[in-house]
Amino acid sequence: MLAEGEGCILPDDLYYWIEKHTWAKPQEDGLVLVGLTDVAQSMAGKIIVVNLRASGKTLARGKSGGTLESGKWVGSIPTPVAGEVVEVNGAVKNQPQLVNQDPYGGGWLLKIKSASWDADAALLAFGPEGIASYRAKLEQDGIHCQK
């Protein structure tokens, strides 16, 4: 199900690192899909370059999983979970606008073999309470998504 906050789409089946505007979604194979939220892509504007860490790289929670560049912003992508990068989304390297167009689908960024999913998940916002917390943060910070 999709929730909305300040015009931003927030699927309720994702784990959010609200302050960093990233998401994580555990997969059936035990890997964790990671990406930027609709909030992040909206704030960044048109994304023109995505550079991701290579497969095999081990990342601590909060460390950069790569960088992205838009017409108005260049920054790192903090990972919401610790672990080893097992796959990067090559499609976003060739078509960076996928992050803008489909941040929860084709615009995913990394697949990580989590080192400590339960511990990392406990630090992320999830479910109806997580969506409510994210909405409150958006309202507090005056953030609105551009559609």
C-alpha atoms as a PDB file:
ATOM      1  CA  MET A   1       0.000   0.000   0.000  1.00  0.00           C
ATOM      2  CA  LEU A   2       1.175   3.495  -0.750  1.00  0.00           C
ATOM      3  CA  ALA A   3       0.918   6.267   1.802  1.00  0.00           C
ATOM      4  CA  GLU A   4       1.518   9.914   1.096  1.00  0.00           C
ATOM      5  CA  GLY A   5       3.021  12.738   3.098  1.00  0.00           C
ATOM      6  CA  GLU A   6       3.417  16.313   1.875  1.00  0.00           C
ATOM      7  CA  GLY A   7       2.882  15.053  -1.685  1.00  0.00           C
ATOM      8  CA  CYS A   8       5.608  12.409  -1.291  1.00  0.00           C
ATOM      9  CA  ILE A   9       4.915   8.715  -1.937  1.00  0.00           C
ATOM     10  CA  LEU A  10       5.855   6.477   1.012  1.00  0.00           C
ATOM     11  CA  PRO A  11       5.211   2.741   0.514  1.00  0.00           C
ATOM     12  CA  ASP A  12       4.315   1.122   3.833  1.00  0.00           C
ATOM     13  CA  ASP A  13       6.351  -2.047   3.218  1.00  0.00           C
ATOM     14  CA  LEU A  14       9.744  -0.317   3.413  1.00  0.00           C
ATOM     15  CA  TYR A  15      12.081   0.473   6.292  1.00  0.00           C
ATOM     16  CA  TYR A  16      13.010   4.170   6.285  1.00  0.00           C
ATOM     17  CA  TRP A  17      16.013   6.048   7.582  1.00  0.00           C
ATOM     18  CA  ILE A  18      13.982   9.217   7.828  1.00  0.00           C
ATOM     19  CA  GLU A  19      16.815  11.665   8.502  1.00  0.00           C
ATOM     20  CA  LYS A  20      18.802  10.404   5.502  1.00  0.00           C
ATOM     21  CA  HIS A  21      15.817   9.846   3.157  1.00  0.00           C
ATOM     22  CA  THR A  22      16.873   6.314   2.268  1.00  0.00           C
ATOM     23  CA  TRP A  23      14.950   3.039   2.386  1.00  0.00           C
ATOM     24  CA  ALA A  24      15.672  -0.646   2.826  1.00  0.00           C
ATOM     25  CA  LYS A  25      13.583  -3.663   1.878  1.00  0.00           C
ATOM     26  CA  PRO A  26      14.495  -7.207   2.855  1.00  0.00           C
ATOM     27  CA  GLN A  27      14.189  -9.690  -0.012  1.00  0.00           C
ATOM     28  CA  GLU A  28      13.177 -13.348   0.046  1.00  0.00           C
ATOM     29  CA  ASP A  29      16.771 -14.363  -0.752  1.00  0.00           C
ATOM     30  CA  GLY A  30      18.034 -12.650   2.412  1.00  0.00           C
ATOM     31  CA  LEU A  31      19.494  -9.647   0.614  1.00  0.00           C
ATOM     32  CA  VAL A  32      18.368  -6.084   1.347  1.00  0.00           C
ATOM     33  CA  LEU A  33      17.412  -3.709  -1.444  1.00  0.00           C
ATOM     34  CA  VAL A  34      18.422  -0.083  -0.784  1.00  0.00           C
ATOM     35  CA  GLY A  35      17.386   3.157  -2.463  1.00  0.00           C
ATOM     36  CA  LEU A  36      16.488   6.814  -2.108  1.00  0.00           C
ATOM     37  CA  THR A  37      13.004   7.880  -1.105  1.00  0.00           C
ATOM     38  CA  ASP A  38      10.601   9.915  -3.198  1.00  0.00           C
ATOM     39  CA  VAL A  39      11.440  12.727  -0.769  1.00  0.00           C
ATOM     40  CA  ALA A  40      15.172  12.540  -1.604  1.00  0.00           C
ATOM     41  CA  GLN A  41      14.685  12.454  -5.359  1.00  0.00           C
ATOM     42  CA  SER A  42      12.250  15.369  -5.176  1.00  0.00           C
ATOM     43  CA  MET A  43      14.637  17.480  -3.094  1.00  0.00           C
ATOM     44  CA  ALA A  44      17.573  16.635  -5.389  1.00  0.00           C
ATOM     45  CA  GLY A  45      15.763  17.557  -8.587  1.00  0.00           C
ATOM     46  CA  LYS A  46      16.642  15.990 -11.929  1.00  0.00           C
ATOM     47  CA  ILE A  47      19.348  13.437 -11.228  1.00  0.00           C
ATOM     48  CA  ILE A  48      22.023  13.427 -13.929  1.00  0.00           C
ATOM     49  CA  VAL A  49      24.782  11.146 -12.550  1.00  0.00           C
ATOM     50  CA  VAL A  50      24.713   8.108 -10.250  1.00  0.00           C
ATOM     51  CA  ASN A  51      27.962   6.459  -9.111  1.00  0.00           C
ATOM     52  CA  LEU A  52      27.634   3.407  -6.890  1.00  0.00           C
ATOM     53  CA  ARG A  53      30.143   1.417  -4.827  1.00  0.00           C
ATOM     54  CA  ALA A  54      31.389  -1.745  -6.485  1.00  0.00           C
ATOM     55  CA  SER A  55      30.097  -5.199  -5.657  1.00  0.00           C
ATOM     56  CA  GLY A  56      32.185  -6.809  -2.942  1.00  0.00           C
ATOM     57  CA  LYS A  57      32.588  -3.575  -0.991  1.00  0.00           C
ATOM     58  CA  THR A  58      31.695  -3.850   2.704  1.00  0.00           C
ATOM     59  CA  LEU A  59      29.895  -0.831   4.137  1.00  0.00           C
ATOM     60  CA  ALA A  60      29.088   0.207   7.686  1.00  0.00           C
ATOM     61  CA  ARG A  61      25.605   1.617   8.322  1.00  0.00           C
ATOM     62  CA  GLY A  62      25.636   5.284   7.363  1.00  0.00           C
ATOM     63  CA  LYS A  63      28.653   5.024   5.077  1.00  0.00           C
ATOM     64  CA  SER A  64      28.397   6.095   1.473  1.00  0.00           C
ATOM     65  CA  GLY A  65      26.996   3.550  -0.942  1.00  0.00           C
ATOM     66  CA  GLY A  66      27.803   5.955  -3.760  1.00  0.00           C
ATOM     67  CA  THR A  67      27.132   9.477  -4.927  1.00  0.00           C
ATOM     68  CA  LEU A  68      24.589  11.208  -7.055  1.00  0.00           C
ATOM     69  CA  GLU A  69      24.513  14.511  -8.823  1.00  0.00           C
ATOM     70  CA  SER A  70      21.619  16.655  -9.896  1.00  0.00           C
ATOM     71  CA  GLY A  71      21.462  20.099 -11.397  1.00  0.00           C
ATOM     72  CA  LYS A  72      21.397  21.593  -7.891  1.00  0.00           C
ATOM     73  CA  TRP A  73      23.036  19.038  -5.611  1.00  0.00           C
ATOM     74  CA  VAL A  74      25.946  16.586  -5.315  1.00  0.00           C
ATOM     75  CA  GLY A  75      26.057  14.231  -2.375  1.00  0.00           C
ATOM     76  CA  SER A  76      26.677  10.816  -0.968  1.00  0.00           C
ATOM     77  CA  ILE A  77      24.089   8.098  -0.523  1.00  0.00           C
ATOM     78  CA  PRO A  78      24.223   6.843   3.082  1.00  0.00           C
ATOM     79  CA  THR A  79      23.379   3.166   3.442  1.00  0.00           C
ATOM     80  CA  PRO A  80      20.671   2.347   5.999  1.00  0.00           C
ATOM     81  CA  VAL A  81      22.143  -1.123   6.650  1.00  0.00           C
ATOM     82  CA  ALA A  82      25.618  -2.542   7.174  1.00  0.00           C
ATOM     83  CA  GLY A  83      26.924  -5.305   4.958  1.00  0.00           C
ATOM     84  CA  GLU A  84      28.495  -6.300   1.684  1.00  0.00           C
ATOM     85  CA  VAL A  85      27.348  -4.841  -1.626  1.00  0.00           C
ATOM     86  CA  VAL A  86      26.437  -7.855  -3.756  1.00  0.00           C
ATOM     87  CA  GLU A  87      24.812  -6.031  -6.663  1.00  0.00           C
ATOM     88  CA  VAL A  88      24.513  -2.506  -7.973  1.00  0.00           C
ATOM     89  CA  ASN A  89      21.737  -1.298 -10.250  1.00  0.00           C
ATOM     90  CA  GLY A  90      23.581  -0.730 -13.504  1.00  0.00           C
ATOM     91  CA  ALA A  91      20.431   0.674 -15.092  1.00  0.00           C
ATOM     92  CA  VAL A  92      20.597   3.841 -12.962  1.00  0.00           C
ATOM     93  CA  LYS A  93      24.185   4.429 -14.041  1.00  0.00           C
ATOM     94  CA  ASN A  94      23.035   4.506 -17.672  1.00  0.00           C
ATOM     95  CA  GLN A  95      19.664   6.137 -16.929  1.00  0.00           C
ATOM     96  CA  PRO A  96      20.008   8.238 -13.735  1.00  0.00           C
ATOM     97  CA  GLN A  97      16.491   9.629 -14.219  1.00  0.00           C
ATOM     98  CA  LEU A  98      15.144   6.218 -13.101  1.00  0.00           C
ATOM     99  CA  VAL A  99      15.818   7.381  -9.531  1.00  0.00           C
ATOM    100  CA  ASN A 100      13.446  10.310 -10.157  1.00  0.00           C
ATOM    101  CA  GLN A 101      10.861   8.334 -12.102  1.00  0.00           C
ATOM    102  CA  ASP A 102      10.674   5.165  -9.993  1.00  0.00           C
ATOM    103  CA  PRO A 103      12.640   5.475  -6.714  1.00  0.00           C
ATOM    104  CA  TYR A 104      11.044   2.345  -5.208  1.00  0.00           C
ATOM    105  CA  GLY A 105      11.154   0.177  -8.335  1.00  0.00           C
ATOM    106  CA  GLY A 106      13.533   0.510 -11.267  1.00  0.00           C
ATOM    107  CA  GLY A 107      15.447   3.254  -9.445  1.00  0.00           C
ATOM    108  CA  TRP A 108      16.740   1.058  -6.597  1.00  0.00           C
ATOM    109  CA  LEU A 109      20.477   1.455  -5.992  1.00  0.00           C
ATOM    110  CA  LEU A 110      22.134  -1.426  -4.115  1.00  0.00           C
ATOM    111  CA  LYS A 111      21.560  -4.987  -2.970  1.00  0.00           C
ATOM    112  CA  ILE A 112      23.350  -5.633   0.302  1.00  0.00           C
ATOM    113  CA  LYS A 113      24.059  -8.851   2.164  1.00  0.00           C
ATOM    114  CA  SER A 114      23.243  -7.478   5.585  1.00  0.00           C
ATOM    115  CA  ALA A 115      25.714  -8.049   8.396  1.00  0.00           C
ATOM    116  CA  SER A 116      23.106  -7.358  11.082  1.00  0.00           C
ATOM    117  CA  TRP A 117      19.602  -6.906   9.643  1.00  0.00           C
ATOM    118  CA  ASP A 118      17.751  -7.191  12.961  1.00  0.00           C
ATOM    119  CA  ALA A 119      19.938  -4.548  14.622  1.00  0.00           C
ATOM    120  CA  ASP A 120      19.793  -2.196  11.621  1.00  0.00           C
ATOM    121  CA  ALA A 121      16.034  -2.675  11.125  1.00  0.00           C
ATOM    122  CA  ALA A 122      15.443  -1.727  14.761  1.00  0.00           C
ATOM    123  CA  LEU A 123      16.943   1.718  13.964  1.00  0.00           C
ATOM    124  CA  LEU A 124      14.691   2.296  10.946  1.00  0.00           C
ATOM    125  CA  ALA A 125      11.086   3.493  10.773  1.00  0.00           C
ATOM    126  CA  PHE A 126       8.551   0.912   9.565  1.00  0.00           C
ATOM    127  CA  GLY A 127       4.818   0.402   9.210  1.00  0.00           C
ATOM    128  CA  PRO A 128       2.061   2.884  10.070  1.00  0.00           C
ATOM    129  CA  GLU A 129       4.119   4.389  12.907  1.00  0.00           C
ATOM    130  CA  GLY A 130       7.087   4.842  10.586  1.00  0.00           C
ATOM    131  CA  ILE A 131       4.966   6.557   7.935  1.00  0.00           C
ATOM    132  CA  ALA A 132       3.460   8.847  10.607  1.00  0.00           C
ATOM    133  CA  SER A 133       6.955   9.723  11.851  1.00  0.00           C
ATOM    134  CA  TYR A 134       8.138  10.441   8.305  1.00  0.00           C
ATOM    135  CA  ARG A 135       5.092  12.645   7.623  1.00  0.00           C
ATOM    136  CA  ALA A 136       5.729  14.571  10.847  1.00  0.00           C
ATOM    137  CA  LYS A 137       9.379  15.128   9.864  1.00  0.00           C
ATOM    138  CA  LEU A 138       8.367  16.403   6.417  1.00  0.00           C
ATOM    139  CA  GLU A 139       5.840  18.780   7.926  1.00  0.00           C
ATOM    140  CA  GLN A 140       8.293  19.979  10.579  1.00  0.00           C
ATOM    141  CA  ASP A 141      10.999  20.646   7.970  1.00  0.00           C
ATOM    142  CA  GLY A 142       8.596  22.186   5.445  1.00  0.00           C
ATOM    143  CA  ILE A 143       9.479  19.603   2.776  1.00  0.00           C
ATOM    144  CA  HIS A 144       7.034  19.057  -0.092  1.00  0.00           C
ATOM    145  CA  CYS A 145       7.536  16.744  -3.046  1.00  0.00           C
ATOM    146  CA  GLN A 146       7.307  18.199  -6.537  1.00  0.00           C
ATOM    147  CA  LYS A 147       5.169  16.182  -8.945  1.00  0.00           C
END
